[in-house]
């Protein structure tokens, strides 16, 4: 699934870059992390991450490529 990340917030957290850290879509960026706030699926309209997570399960430990 292709996603366009439209808005993020910086937050604390560490891990391998691209690793999902929690159920709120916090993604590791090495020494820090970002929480995805708004995204867009290919061919769809932009949506808040809460709306996306209601229809799509993303578990901690998943990796974005």
PDB file of N, CA and C in Angstrom:
ATOM      1  N   UNK A   1       0.842  -1.167   0.000  1.00  0.00           N
ATOM      2  CA  UNK A   1       0.000   0.000   0.000  1.00  0.00           C
ATOM      3  C   UNK A   1       0.892   1.237   0.000  1.00  0.00           C
ATOM      4  N   UNK A   2       0.605   2.156  -0.886  1.00  0.00           N
ATOM      5  CA  UNK A   2       1.374   3.398  -0.962  1.00  0.00           C
ATOM      6  C   UNK A   2       0.685   4.454  -0.115  1.00  0.00           C
ATOM      7  N   UNK A   3       1.501   5.181   0.668  1.00  0.00           N
ATOM      8  CA  UNK A   3       1.003   6.266   1.507  1.00  0.00           C
ATOM      9  C   UNK A   3       1.842   7.506   1.286  1.00  0.00           C
ATOM     10  N   UNK A   4       1.180   8.635   1.263  1.00  0.00           N
ATOM     11  CA  UNK A   4       1.881   9.914   1.230  1.00  0.00           C
ATOM     12  C   UNK A   4       1.702  10.523   2.619  1.00  0.00           C
ATOM     13  N   UNK A   5       2.794  10.796   3.297  1.00  0.00           N
ATOM     14  CA  UNK A   5       2.748  11.399   4.633  1.00  0.00           C
ATOM     15  C   UNK A   5       2.640  12.907   4.446  1.00  0.00           C
ATOM     16  N   UNK A   6       1.564  13.493   4.964  1.00  0.00           N
ATOM     17  CA  UNK A   6       1.308  14.911   4.753  1.00  0.00           C
ATOM     18  C   UNK A   6       1.713  15.783   5.939  1.00  0.00           C
ATOM     19  N   UNK A   7       1.559  15.252   7.163  1.00  0.00           N
ATOM     20  CA  UNK A   7       1.895  16.051   8.340  1.00  0.00           C
ATOM     21  C   UNK A   7       2.330  15.131   9.472  1.00  0.00           C
ATOM     22  N   UNK A   8       3.399  15.518  10.170  1.00  0.00           N
ATOM     23  CA  UNK A   8       3.915  14.761  11.309  1.00  0.00           C
ATOM     24  C   UNK A   8       4.207  15.711  12.459  1.00  0.00           C
ATOM     25  N   UNK A   9       4.345  15.143  13.657  1.00  0.00           N
ATOM     26  CA  UNK A   9       4.782  15.877  14.841  1.00  0.00           C
ATOM     27  C   UNK A   9       6.028  15.189  15.379  1.00  0.00           C
ATOM     28  N   UNK A  10       7.054  15.948  15.744  1.00  0.00           N
ATOM     29  CA  UNK A  10       8.232  15.317  16.356  1.00  0.00           C
ATOM     30  C   UNK A  10       7.870  14.794  17.750  1.00  0.00           C
ATOM     31  N   UNK A  11       8.470  13.698  18.138  1.00  0.00           N
ATOM     32  CA  UNK A  11       8.235  13.115  19.459  1.00  0.00           C
ATOM     33  C   UNK A  11       9.475  12.313  19.862  1.00  0.00           C
ATOM     34  N   UNK A  12       9.475  11.823  21.079  1.00  0.00           N
ATOM     35  CA  UNK A  12      10.608  11.019  21.549  1.00  0.00           C
ATOM     36  C   UNK A  12      10.381   9.564  21.187  1.00  0.00           C
ATOM     37  N   UNK A  13      11.460   8.862  21.024  1.00  0.00           N
ATOM     38  CA  UNK A  13      11.416   7.450  20.682  1.00  0.00           C
ATOM     39  C   UNK A  13      12.643   7.141  19.842  1.00  0.00           C
ATOM     40  N   UNK A  14      13.045   5.921  19.864  1.00  0.00           N
ATOM     41  CA  UNK A  14      14.223   5.527  19.103  1.00  0.00           C
ATOM     42  C   UNK A  14      14.008   4.121  18.556  1.00  0.00           C
ATOM     43  N   UNK A  15      14.670   3.852  17.475  1.00  0.00           N
ATOM     44  CA  UNK A  15      14.590   2.540  16.862  1.00  0.00           C
ATOM     45  C   UNK A  15      15.108   2.606  15.451  1.00  0.00           C
ATOM     46  N   UNK A  16      15.060   1.485  14.777  1.00  0.00           N
ATOM     47  CA  UNK A  16      15.497   1.439  13.384  1.00  0.00           C
ATOM     48  C   UNK A  16      14.586   2.325  12.549  1.00  0.00           C
ATOM     49  N   UNK A  17      15.145   3.163  11.696  1.00  0.00           N
ATOM     50  CA  UNK A  17      14.322   4.064  10.892  1.00  0.00           C
ATOM     51  C   UNK A  17      13.223   3.315  10.140  1.00  0.00           C
ATOM     52  N   UNK A  18      11.995   3.854  10.225  1.00  0.00           N
ATOM     53  CA  UNK A  18      10.856   3.258   9.543  1.00  0.00           C
ATOM     54  C   UNK A  18      10.063   2.282  10.388  1.00  0.00           C
ATOM     55  N   UNK A  19      10.515   2.003  11.619  1.00  0.00           N
ATOM     56  CA  UNK A  19       9.820   1.050  12.482  1.00  0.00           C
ATOM     57  C   UNK A  19       8.683   1.735  13.233  1.00  0.00           C
ATOM     58  N   UNK A  20       7.496   1.132  13.200  1.00  0.00           N
ATOM     59  CA  UNK A  20       6.347   1.648  13.939  1.00  0.00           C
ATOM     60  C   UNK A  20       6.553   1.316  15.410  1.00  0.00           C
ATOM     61  N   UNK A  21       6.441   2.336  16.270  1.00  0.00           N
ATOM     62  CA  UNK A  21       6.720   2.152  17.692  1.00  0.00           C
ATOM     63  C   UNK A  21       5.490   1.909  18.550  1.00  0.00           C
ATOM     64  N   UNK A  22       4.312   2.362  18.101  1.00  0.00           N
ATOM     65  CA  UNK A  22       3.107   2.189  18.913  1.00  0.00           C
ATOM     66  C   UNK A  22       1.862   2.189  18.042  1.00  0.00           C
ATOM     67  N   UNK A  23       0.690   2.085  18.691  1.00  0.00           N
ATOM     68  CA  UNK A  23      -0.576   2.023  17.962  1.00  0.00           C
ATOM     69  C   UNK A  23      -1.096   3.390  17.525  1.00  0.00           C
ATOM     70  N   UNK A  24      -0.332   4.465  17.773  1.00  0.00           N
ATOM     71  CA  UNK A  24      -0.706   5.811  17.337  1.00  0.00           C
ATOM     72  C   UNK A  24       0.086   6.234  16.112  1.00  0.00           C
ATOM     73  N   UNK A  25       0.758   5.310  15.494  1.00  0.00           N
ATOM     74  CA  UNK A  25       1.569   5.501  14.290  1.00  0.00           C
ATOM     75  C   UNK A  25       2.750   6.438  14.531  1.00  0.00           C
ATOM     76  N   UNK A  26       3.470   6.172  15.613  1.00  0.00           N
ATOM     77  CA  UNK A  26       4.741   6.829  15.877  1.00  0.00           C
ATOM     78  C   UNK A  26       5.802   6.001  15.161  1.00  0.00           C
ATOM     79  N   UNK A  27       6.629   6.674  14.360  1.00  0.00           N
ATOM     80  CA  UNK A  27       7.609   5.978  13.526  1.00  0.00           C
ATOM     81  C   UNK A  27       9.016   6.428  13.907  1.00  0.00           C
ATOM     82  N   UNK A  28       9.886   5.462  14.160  1.00  0.00           N
ATOM     83  CA  UNK A  28      11.272   5.750  14.531  1.00  0.00           C
ATOM     84  C   UNK A  28      12.030   6.357  13.364  1.00  0.00           C
ATOM     85  N   UNK A  29      12.932   7.268  13.718  1.00  0.00           N
ATOM     86  CA  UNK A  29      13.797   7.916  12.723  1.00  0.00           C
ATOM     87  C   UNK A  29      15.239   7.847  13.197  1.00  0.00           C
ATOM     88  N   UNK A  30      15.618   6.728  13.784  1.00  0.00           N
ATOM     89  CA  UNK A  30      16.960   6.590  14.354  1.00  0.00           C
ATOM     90  C   UNK A  30      16.928   6.980  15.818  1.00  0.00           C
ATOM     91  N   UNK A  31      17.541   8.136  16.158  1.00  0.00           N
ATOM     92  CA  UNK A  31      17.612   8.587  17.547  1.00  0.00           C
ATOM     93  C   UNK A  31      16.328   9.261  18.014  1.00  0.00           C
ATOM     94  N   UNK A  32      15.471   9.688  17.123  1.00  0.00           N
ATOM     95  CA  UNK A  32      14.207  10.344  17.451  1.00  0.00           C
ATOM     96  C   UNK A  32      13.068   9.646  16.725  1.00  0.00           C
ATOM     97  N   UNK A  33      11.874  10.250  16.795  1.00  0.00           N
ATOM     98  CA  UNK A  33      10.713   9.665  16.130  1.00  0.00           C
ATOM     99  C   UNK A  33       9.752  10.771  15.711  1.00  0.00           C
ATOM    100  N   UNK A  34       8.819  10.421  14.833  1.00  0.00           N
ATOM    101  CA  UNK A  34       7.743  11.319  14.439  1.00  0.00           C
ATOM    102  C   UNK A  34       6.421  10.574  14.575  1.00  0.00           C
ATOM    103  N   UNK A  35       5.382  11.314  14.906  1.00  0.00           N
ATOM    104  CA  UNK A  35       4.037  10.744  14.948  1.00  0.00           C
ATOM    105  C   UNK A  35       3.308  11.267  13.713  1.00  0.00           C
ATOM    106  N   UNK A  36       2.818  10.364  12.900  1.00  0.00           N
ATOM    107  CA  UNK A  36       2.090  10.753  11.699  1.00  0.00           C
ATOM    108  C   UNK A  36       0.738  11.310  12.118  1.00  0.00           C
ATOM    109  N   UNK A  37       0.389  12.484  11.593  1.00  0.00           N
ATOM    110  CA  UNK A  37      -0.860  13.165  11.941  1.00  0.00           C
ATOM    111  C   UNK A  37      -1.854  13.086  10.785  1.00  0.00           C
ATOM    112  N   UNK A  38      -1.355  13.234   9.562  1.00  0.00           N
ATOM    113  CA  UNK A  38      -2.228  13.226   8.388  1.00  0.00           C
ATOM    114  C   UNK A  38      -1.515  12.512   7.247  1.00  0.00           C
ATOM    115  N   UNK A  39      -2.264  11.704   6.512  1.00  0.00           N
ATOM    116  CA  UNK A  39      -1.683  10.951   5.410  1.00  0.00           C
ATOM    117  C   UNK A  39      -2.689  10.813   4.289  1.00  0.00           C
ATOM    118  N   UNK A  40      -2.221  10.258   3.167  1.00  0.00           N
ATOM    119  CA  UNK A  40      -3.086  10.079   2.001  1.00  0.00           C
ATOM    120  C   UNK A  40      -2.728   8.770   1.325  1.00  0.00           C
ATOM    121  N   UNK A  41      -3.728   7.915   1.128  1.00  0.00           N
ATOM    122  CA  UNK A  41      -3.531   6.680   0.365  1.00  0.00           C
ATOM    123  C   UNK A  41      -3.567   7.016  -1.117  1.00  0.00           C
ATOM    124  N   UNK A  42      -2.903   6.225  -1.916  1.00  0.00           N
ATOM    125  CA  UNK A  42      -2.860   6.457  -3.364  1.00  0.00           C
ATOM    126  C   UNK A  42      -4.272   6.542  -3.935  1.00  0.00           C
ATOM    127  N   UNK A  43      -4.567   7.642  -4.618  1.00  0.00           N
ATOM    128  CA  UNK A  43      -5.864   7.805  -5.261  1.00  0.00           C
ATOM    129  C   UNK A  43      -6.998   8.213  -4.341  1.00  0.00           C
ATOM    130  N   UNK A  44      -6.709   8.467  -3.073  1.00  0.00           N
ATOM    131  CA  UNK A  44      -7.737   8.814  -2.094  1.00  0.00           C
ATOM    132  C   UNK A  44      -7.532  10.242  -1.596  1.00  0.00           C
ATOM    133  N   UNK A  45      -8.474  10.725  -0.811  1.00  0.00           N
ATOM    134  CA  UNK A  45      -8.356  12.062  -0.226  1.00  0.00           C
ATOM    135  C   UNK A  45      -7.531  11.989   1.057  1.00  0.00           C
ATOM    136  N   UNK A  46      -6.921  13.103   1.464  1.00  0.00           N
ATOM    137  CA  UNK A  46      -6.161  13.125   2.731  1.00  0.00           C
ATOM    138  C   UNK A  46      -7.056  12.777   3.917  1.00  0.00           C
ATOM    139  N   UNK A  47      -6.452  12.151   4.940  1.00  0.00           N
ATOM    140  CA  UNK A  47      -7.208  11.795   6.146  1.00  0.00           C
ATOM    141  C   UNK A  47      -6.321  11.885   7.375  1.00  0.00           C
ATOM    142  N   UNK A  48      -6.956  12.089   8.510  1.00  0.00           N
ATOM    143  CA  UNK A  48      -6.264  12.078   9.801  1.00  0.00           C
ATOM    144  C   UNK A  48      -5.865  10.641  10.097  1.00  0.00           C
ATOM    145  N   UNK A  49      -4.816  10.471  10.872  1.00  0.00           N
ATOM    146  CA  UNK A  49      -4.306   9.127  11.154  1.00  0.00           C
ATOM    147  C   UNK A  49      -5.326   8.288  11.931  1.00  0.00           C
ATOM    148  N   UNK A  50      -6.128   8.904  12.799  1.00  0.00           N
ATOM    149  CA  UNK A  50      -7.138   8.149  13.556  1.00  0.00           C
ATOM    150  C   UNK A  50      -8.142   7.492  12.607  1.00  0.00           C
ATOM    151  N   UNK A  51      -8.544   8.216  11.574  1.00  0.00           N
ATOM    152  CA  UNK A  51      -9.470   7.674  10.581  1.00  0.00           C
ATOM    153  C   UNK A  51      -8.820   6.514   9.826  1.00  0.00           C
ATOM    154  N   UNK A  52      -7.567   6.675   9.443  1.00  0.00           N
ATOM    155  CA  UNK A  52      -6.823   5.624   8.751  1.00  0.00           C
ATOM    156  C   UNK A  52      -6.724   4.368   9.615  1.00  0.00           C
ATOM    157  N   UNK A  53      -6.418   4.544  10.903  1.00  0.00           N
ATOM    158  CA  UNK A  53      -6.230   3.396  11.792  1.00  0.00           C
ATOM    159  C   UNK A  53      -7.537   2.678  12.130  1.00  0.00           C
ATOM    160  N   UNK A  54      -8.663   3.335  11.975  1.00  0.00           N
ATOM    161  CA  UNK A  54      -9.953   2.657  12.183  1.00  0.00           C
ATOM    162  C   UNK A  54     -10.178   1.581  11.135  1.00  0.00           C
ATOM    163  N   UNK A  55      -9.630   1.774   9.938  1.00  0.00           N
ATOM    164  CA  UNK A  55      -9.845   0.806   8.872  1.00  0.00           C
ATOM    165  C   UNK A  55      -8.630  -0.026   8.506  1.00  0.00           C
ATOM    166  N   UNK A  56      -7.482   0.289   9.101  1.00  0.00           N
ATOM    167  CA  UNK A  56      -6.245  -0.413   8.764  1.00  0.00           C
ATOM    168  C   UNK A  56      -5.463  -0.714  10.034  1.00  0.00           C
ATOM    169  N   UNK A  57      -5.147  -1.961  10.259  1.00  0.00           N
ATOM    170  CA  UNK A  57      -4.370  -2.332  11.448  1.00  0.00           C
ATOM    171  C   UNK A  57      -2.872  -2.232  11.133  1.00  0.00           C
ATOM    172  N   UNK A  58      -2.178  -1.456  11.947  1.00  0.00           N
ATOM    173  CA  UNK A  58      -0.731  -1.341  11.835  1.00  0.00           C
ATOM    174  C   UNK A  58      -0.171  -1.628  13.228  1.00  0.00           C
ATOM    175  N   UNK A  59       0.517  -2.729  13.389  1.00  0.00           N
ATOM    176  CA  UNK A  59       1.034  -3.144  14.689  1.00  0.00           C
ATOM    177  C   UNK A  59       2.417  -2.562  14.953  1.00  0.00           C
ATOM    178  N   UNK A  60       2.713  -2.352  16.230  1.00  0.00           N
ATOM    179  CA  UNK A  60       4.058  -1.943  16.636  1.00  0.00           C
ATOM    180  C   UNK A  60       5.046  -2.986  16.115  1.00  0.00           C
ATOM    181  N   UNK A  61       6.154  -2.517  15.600  1.00  0.00           N
ATOM    182  CA  UNK A  61       7.175  -3.405  15.039  1.00  0.00           C
ATOM    183  C   UNK A  61       7.095  -3.516  13.521  1.00  0.00           C
ATOM    184  N   UNK A  62       5.983  -3.076  12.936  1.00  0.00           N
ATOM    185  CA  UNK A  62       5.870  -3.076  11.468  1.00  0.00           C
ATOM    186  C   UNK A  62       6.902  -2.101  10.913  1.00  0.00           C
ATOM    187  N   UNK A  63       7.272  -2.263   9.659  1.00  0.00           N
ATOM    188  CA  UNK A  63       8.287  -1.400   9.045  1.00  0.00           C
ATOM    189  C   UNK A  63       7.742  -0.734   7.808  1.00  0.00           C
ATOM    190  N   UNK A  64       8.026   0.561   7.672  1.00  0.00           N
ATOM    191  CA  UNK A  64       7.739   1.290   6.433  1.00  0.00           C
ATOM    192  C   UNK A  64       8.993   1.212   5.588  1.00  0.00           C
ATOM    193  N   UNK A  65       8.831   0.983   4.312  1.00  0.00           N
ATOM    194  CA  UNK A  65       9.979   0.883   3.410  1.00  0.00           C
ATOM    195  C   UNK A  65      10.226   2.208   2.726  1.00  0.00           C
TER     196      UNK A  65
END
